[in-house]
């Protein structure tokens, strides 16, 4: 059984500079990297009409 109730761990490779900037944003805003990643994924899903803005869980 996973130790995460509503989360699934996964791994991927991303552009080094993008990751550096994302980590800096997380540090500057004190918003966890996972929450920023969720928001970015949701924004992409809205952009490609997979979900609606109303279905988003993150701002």
C-alpha atoms as a PDB file:
ATOM      1  CA  UNK A   1       0.000   0.000   0.000  1.00  0.00           C
ATOM      2  CA  UNK A   2       1.296   3.436  -0.935  1.00  0.00           C
ATOM      3  CA  UNK A   3       2.156   5.922   1.786  1.00  0.00           C
ATOM      4  CA  UNK A   4       0.437   8.588  -0.351  1.00  0.00           C
ATOM      5  CA  UNK A   5      -3.355   8.665  -0.145  1.00  0.00           C
ATOM      6  CA  UNK A   6      -3.977  10.887  -3.163  1.00  0.00           C
ATOM      7  CA  UNK A   7      -0.562  11.114  -4.806  1.00  0.00           C
ATOM      8  CA  UNK A   8       1.433   8.867  -7.122  1.00  0.00           C
ATOM      9  CA  UNK A   9       5.215   9.139  -7.248  1.00  0.00           C
ATOM     10  CA  UNK A  10       6.731   9.262 -10.747  1.00  0.00           C
ATOM     11  CA  UNK A  11      10.008  10.143 -12.337  1.00  0.00           C
ATOM     12  CA  UNK A  12      10.859  12.012 -15.516  1.00  0.00           C
ATOM     13  CA  UNK A  13      13.678  13.967 -17.108  1.00  0.00           C
ATOM     14  CA  UNK A  14      13.207  17.693 -17.712  1.00  0.00           C
ATOM     15  CA  UNK A  15      15.240  20.518 -19.178  1.00  0.00           C
ATOM     16  CA  UNK A  16      17.973  21.415 -16.678  1.00  0.00           C
ATOM     17  CA  UNK A  17      17.377  25.173 -16.843  1.00  0.00           C
ATOM     18  CA  UNK A  18      13.609  24.789 -16.477  1.00  0.00           C
ATOM     19  CA  UNK A  19      14.065  22.627 -13.400  1.00  0.00           C
ATOM     20  CA  UNK A  20      16.532  25.092 -11.912  1.00  0.00           C
ATOM     21  CA  UNK A  21      14.033  27.936 -12.383  1.00  0.00           C
ATOM     22  CA  UNK A  22      11.155  25.850 -11.022  1.00  0.00           C
ATOM     23  CA  UNK A  23      13.150  24.978  -7.903  1.00  0.00           C
ATOM     24  CA  UNK A  24      14.039  28.660  -7.453  1.00  0.00           C
ATOM     25  CA  UNK A  25      10.355  29.594  -7.795  1.00  0.00           C
ATOM     26  CA  UNK A  26       9.457  27.002  -5.160  1.00  0.00           C
ATOM     27  CA  UNK A  27      12.087  28.407  -2.806  1.00  0.00           C
ATOM     28  CA  UNK A  28      11.104  32.037  -3.443  1.00  0.00           C
ATOM     29  CA  UNK A  29       7.374  31.437  -3.011  1.00  0.00           C
ATOM     30  CA  UNK A  30       7.658  28.697  -0.389  1.00  0.00           C
ATOM     31  CA  UNK A  31       5.218  26.663  -2.480  1.00  0.00           C
ATOM     32  CA  UNK A  32       6.155  22.975  -2.614  1.00  0.00           C
ATOM     33  CA  UNK A  33       7.558  21.744  -5.918  1.00  0.00           C
ATOM     34  CA  UNK A  34       4.821  19.099  -6.101  1.00  0.00           C
ATOM     35  CA  UNK A  35       2.087  21.742  -5.856  1.00  0.00           C
ATOM     36  CA  UNK A  36       3.716  23.867  -8.568  1.00  0.00           C
ATOM     37  CA  UNK A  37       3.999  20.781 -10.771  1.00  0.00           C
ATOM     38  CA  UNK A  38       0.319  19.934 -10.193  1.00  0.00           C
ATOM     39  CA  UNK A  39      -0.639  23.483 -11.183  1.00  0.00           C
ATOM     40  CA  UNK A  40       1.470  23.326 -14.357  1.00  0.00           C
ATOM     41  CA  UNK A  41      -0.035  19.974 -15.380  1.00  0.00           C
ATOM     42  CA  UNK A  42      -3.539  21.269 -14.769  1.00  0.00           C
ATOM     43  CA  UNK A  43      -2.808  24.342 -16.897  1.00  0.00           C
ATOM     44  CA  UNK A  44      -1.718  22.067 -19.761  1.00  0.00           C
ATOM     45  CA  UNK A  45      -4.841  19.935 -19.386  1.00  0.00           C
ATOM     46  CA  UNK A  46      -7.004  23.068 -19.562  1.00  0.00           C
ATOM     47  CA  UNK A  47      -5.048  24.329 -22.586  1.00  0.00           C
ATOM     48  CA  UNK A  48      -5.707  21.093 -24.466  1.00  0.00           C
ATOM     49  CA  UNK A  49      -9.353  20.878 -23.309  1.00  0.00           C
ATOM     50  CA  UNK A  50      -8.876  17.726 -21.255  1.00  0.00           C
ATOM     51  CA  UNK A  51     -10.357  19.426 -18.175  1.00  0.00           C
ATOM     52  CA  UNK A  52     -12.163  22.725 -17.661  1.00  0.00           C
ATOM     53  CA  UNK A  53     -10.958  25.660 -15.574  1.00  0.00           C
ATOM     54  CA  UNK A  54     -13.715  24.802 -13.102  1.00  0.00           C
ATOM     55  CA  UNK A  55     -12.269  21.303 -12.629  1.00  0.00           C
ATOM     56  CA  UNK A  56      -8.864  22.647 -11.603  1.00  0.00           C
ATOM     57  CA  UNK A  57      -7.913  22.059  -7.979  1.00  0.00           C
ATOM     58  CA  UNK A  58      -5.004  24.529  -7.953  1.00  0.00           C
ATOM     59  CA  UNK A  59      -5.246  28.276  -8.625  1.00  0.00           C
END
